Amino acid sequence: MPRRQRPYPSDLSDARWELLEPTLTAWRAERRGKGLDIGRPPEHDLRRIMDAILYVDRTGIPWRYLPHDFAPWETVYGYFAAWQKDGVFDQLNGLLRHLVRKAEGRDAEPSACILDAQSIKTSANVPAAGQGIDAGKKIAGRKRHIGVDTLGPTGVKSLRGAGSRDRSQVRWSWVRWSARVW
C-alpha cells in the first residue's frame, strides 16, 4: 500500500518508527517461523498497521470506522489483538521507559515506583466474578491499579475486583514489574 501524501497527525514519525521497527519485525519473523513458512507473504506494512492502531487510539473511533486508506479494519484489529496477547505493547512500553531513563542519566531499571489504585463502579452486565466491593469507599465494581516509574512512564497496570486489597496488589505489581525481561 503506497504511503499517503498527507499523513494523519497520529502517524509515526520516521525517528519513532526506527525505535519500534526492530521489535515489530522480530515479532513478525518469529510468528512466521512458528508456522511452516508457506503461504502468502504479509501484504501489509507494519508501520501502516501501527499508524492505523494509533489513529484508532487517538481518535477513539470504532475499529469498523477506520478510514479506507489504511488496511482493512479486521486486519488492523487482528494485529492489535495479537500484539496485545503476545506482550508486544508491554515490550515497547519497557523499551521506551528504558530510553527515557537513560536520557535522564538514570539506570535502565527503576529501583522504585509509585503505585495507586482507583475503585470504579461497573455496569450490571459485568459478571459478578470480575467484581468486588471496596468497603472503604462503599463501591461495588472493580479496582484498577497502576504503577509508574519515578520519572513518569507507566510500568504495570491491572484491573481486579474492587474487593482486592491494595497491599497484596503492591506485592503482585512489584513482582510483575521486576520479573519482566526487556
Protein backbone atom coordinates (compact mmCIF):
# COMPACT_ATOMS: atom_id res chain seq x y z
CA MET A 1 0.00 0.00 0.00
CA PRO A 2 1.64 3.27 -1.05
CA ARG A 3 2.27 5.96 1.54
CA ARG A 4 -0.27 8.80 1.59
CA GLN A 5 0.83 12.29 0.58
CA ARG A 6 -0.52 13.90 3.76
CA PRO A 7 -0.04 11.84 6.92
CA TYR A 8 -2.53 11.90 9.77
CA PRO A 9 -1.41 13.73 12.93
CA SER A 10 -1.35 10.37 14.73
CA ASP A 11 1.12 8.77 12.26
CA LEU A 12 4.56 7.77 13.48
CA SER A 13 7.50 9.99 12.58
CA ASP A 14 10.50 8.33 10.94
CA ALA A 15 12.50 8.64 14.18
CA ARG A 16 9.75 6.96 16.24
CA TRP A 17 9.34 4.22 13.66
CA GLU A 18 13.08 3.46 13.88
CA LEU A 19 12.57 2.73 17.59
CA LEU A 20 9.59 0.41 17.06
CA GLU A 21 10.55 -1.34 13.83
CA PRO A 22 13.04 -3.91 15.23
CA THR A 23 10.54 -5.17 17.82
CA LEU A 24 7.65 -5.46 15.37
CA THR A 25 9.80 -7.01 12.63
CA ALA A 26 11.17 -9.58 15.11
CA TRP A 27 7.60 -10.40 16.20
CA ARG A 28 6.54 -10.99 12.58
CA ALA A 29 9.60 -13.15 11.86
CA GLU A 30 9.01 -15.21 15.00
CA ARG A 31 5.35 -15.61 14.12
CA ARG A 32 6.16 -16.80 10.59
CA GLY A 33 8.85 -19.10 11.97
CA LYS A 34 6.30 -20.92 14.15
CA GLY A 35 4.37 -21.99 11.05
CA LEU A 36 5.60 -23.93 8.05
CA ASP A 37 6.63 -20.62 6.44
CA ILE A 38 4.43 -21.37 3.47
CA GLY A 39 1.59 -19.33 2.08
CA ARG A 40 1.29 -15.73 1.11
CA PRO A 41 3.85 -13.26 2.36
CA PRO A 42 2.41 -10.48 4.54
CA GLU A 43 0.81 -7.86 2.32
CA HIS A 44 0.51 -5.02 4.86
CA ASP A 45 3.36 -2.85 6.06
CA LEU A 46 3.86 -2.99 9.83
CA ARG A 47 4.31 0.77 10.00
CA ARG A 48 0.92 1.33 8.36
CA ILE A 49 -0.65 -1.17 10.77
CA MET A 50 0.83 0.72 13.73
CA ASP A 51 -0.30 4.04 12.21
CA ALA A 52 -3.85 2.64 11.98
CA ILE A 53 -3.77 1.44 15.60
CA LEU A 54 -2.53 4.86 16.72
CA TYR A 55 -5.27 6.52 14.65
CA VAL A 56 -7.96 4.47 16.41
CA ASP A 57 -6.35 5.17 19.79
CA ARG A 58 -6.03 8.90 19.19
CA THR A 59 -9.47 9.49 17.65
CA GLY A 60 -11.42 6.96 19.71
CA ILE A 61 -13.35 5.68 16.71
CA PRO A 62 -14.71 2.12 16.49
CA TRP A 63 -12.48 -0.27 14.52
CA ARG A 64 -15.07 -0.55 11.75
CA TYR A 65 -14.83 3.21 11.06
CA LEU A 66 -11.14 3.07 10.19
CA PRO A 67 -10.52 5.15 7.02
CA HIS A 68 -10.10 3.19 3.81
CA ASP A 69 -6.54 4.34 3.16
CA PHE A 70 -5.43 2.01 6.00
CA ALA A 71 -5.51 -1.77 5.84
CA PRO A 72 -8.95 -3.36 6.36
CA TRP A 73 -10.15 -2.91 9.95
CA GLU A 74 -10.24 -6.69 10.51
CA THR A 75 -6.55 -6.89 9.65
CA VAL A 76 -5.60 -3.96 11.86
CA TYR A 77 -7.63 -5.31 14.77
CA GLY A 78 -6.11 -8.76 14.25
CA TYR A 79 -2.61 -7.34 14.60
CA PHE A 80 -3.67 -5.27 17.63
CA ALA A 81 -5.15 -8.32 19.38
CA ALA A 82 -2.11 -10.49 18.57
CA TRP A 83 0.35 -7.83 19.75
CA GLN A 84 -1.61 -7.36 22.95
CA LYS A 85 -1.79 -11.13 23.57
CA ASP A 86 1.91 -11.65 22.81
CA GLY A 87 3.02 -8.76 25.03
CA VAL A 88 4.41 -6.61 22.22
CA PHE A 89 2.90 -3.41 23.65
CA ASP A 90 4.38 -4.18 27.08
CA GLN A 91 7.74 -4.77 25.41
CA LEU A 92 7.54 -1.46 23.54
CA ASN A 93 6.49 0.33 26.74
CA GLY A 94 9.53 -1.12 28.51
CA LEU A 95 11.82 -0.11 25.65
CA LEU A 96 10.54 3.47 25.72
CA ARG A 97 10.78 3.59 29.52
CA HIS A 98 14.44 2.49 29.29
CA LEU A 99 15.16 5.21 26.73
CA VAL A 100 13.54 7.89 28.93
CA ARG A 101 15.53 6.74 31.97
CA LYS A 102 18.82 6.69 30.04
CA ALA A 103 18.13 10.17 28.63
CA GLU A 104 17.70 11.39 32.22
CA GLY A 105 21.02 9.78 33.23
CA ARG A 106 19.37 7.03 35.32
CA ASP A 107 19.82 3.26 35.39
CA ALA A 108 17.69 1.48 32.79
CA GLU A 109 15.76 -0.43 35.50
CA PRO A 110 13.89 1.56 38.14
CA SER A 111 14.63 0.94 41.81
CA ALA A 112 11.34 2.46 42.99
CA CYS A 113 7.89 3.03 41.63
CA ILE A 114 4.72 4.82 42.61
CA LEU A 115 1.56 2.72 42.87
CA ASP A 116 -2.02 3.95 43.07
CA ALA A 117 -5.49 2.43 42.93
CA GLN A 118 -8.93 3.66 41.96
CA SER A 119 -12.27 1.97 42.60
CA ILE A 120 -14.70 2.08 39.68
CA LYS A 121 -18.40 1.31 39.62
CA THR A 122 -19.33 -1.26 37.00
CA SER A 123 -22.47 -1.76 34.99
CA ALA A 124 -24.98 -4.52 35.63
CA ASN A 125 -23.61 -6.51 32.63
CA VAL A 126 -20.23 -7.18 34.27
CA PRO A 127 -20.02 -10.75 35.60
CA ALA A 128 -20.05 -10.98 39.40
CA ALA A 129 -16.78 -12.96 39.32
CA GLY A 130 -14.98 -9.88 37.94
CA GLN A 131 -16.31 -7.54 40.61
CA GLY A 132 -15.87 -6.96 44.31
CA ILE A 133 -16.83 -4.48 47.00
CA ASP A 134 -14.47 -1.76 48.20
CA ALA A 135 -15.74 -1.48 51.77
CA GLY A 136 -13.82 1.72 52.49
CA LYS A 137 -15.41 3.61 49.59
CA LYS A 138 -18.65 1.59 49.53
CA ILE A 139 -18.32 0.88 45.82
CA ALA A 140 -19.28 -2.35 44.11
CA GLY A 141 -17.20 -2.83 41.00
CA ARG A 142 -13.57 -3.11 40.01
CA LYS A 143 -10.34 -1.57 41.14
CA ARG A 144 -7.63 -0.50 38.76
CA HIS A 145 -4.04 -0.32 39.89
CA ILE A 146 -1.25 1.46 38.08
CA GLY A 147 2.46 1.62 38.76
CA VAL A 148 4.61 4.37 37.35
CA ASP A 149 8.33 4.94 37.33
CA THR A 150 9.50 7.90 39.40
CA LEU A 151 10.10 9.72 36.08
CA GLY A 152 6.52 9.09 34.93
CA PRO A 153 6.41 6.24 32.38
CA THR A 154 3.88 3.51 33.13
CA GLY A 155 5.30 0.26 34.42
CA VAL A 156 2.40 -2.02 35.35
CA LYS A 157 -1.37 -1.89 35.10
CA SER A 158 -4.03 -4.25 36.38
CA LEU A 159 -7.77 -4.49 36.78
CA ARG A 160 -9.15 -6.52 39.70
CA GLY A 161 -12.34 -6.84 41.66
CA ALA A 162 -12.86 -3.87 43.99
CA GLY A 163 -12.53 -6.20 47.00
CA SER A 164 -8.81 -6.75 46.32
CA ARG A 165 -6.53 -5.25 48.94
CA ASP A 166 -4.05 -2.63 47.86
CA ARG A 167 -1.29 -4.18 49.96
CA SER A 168 -1.46 -7.53 48.16
CA GLN A 169 -1.65 -5.69 44.84
CA VAL A 170 1.55 -3.80 45.64
CA ARG A 171 3.43 -7.08 46.09
CA TRP A 172 1.96 -8.52 42.88
CA SER A 173 2.75 -5.37 40.88
CA TRP A 174 6.34 -5.14 42.09
CA VAL A 175 7.00 -8.81 41.33
CA ARG A 176 5.41 -8.43 37.89
CA TRP A 177 7.43 -5.29 37.17
CA SER A 178 10.76 -6.72 38.32
CA ALA A 179 10.25 -10.07 36.55
CA ARG A 180 9.93 -8.53 33.08
CA VAL A 181 12.68 -9.10 30.61
CA TRP A 182 13.20 -6.28 28.13
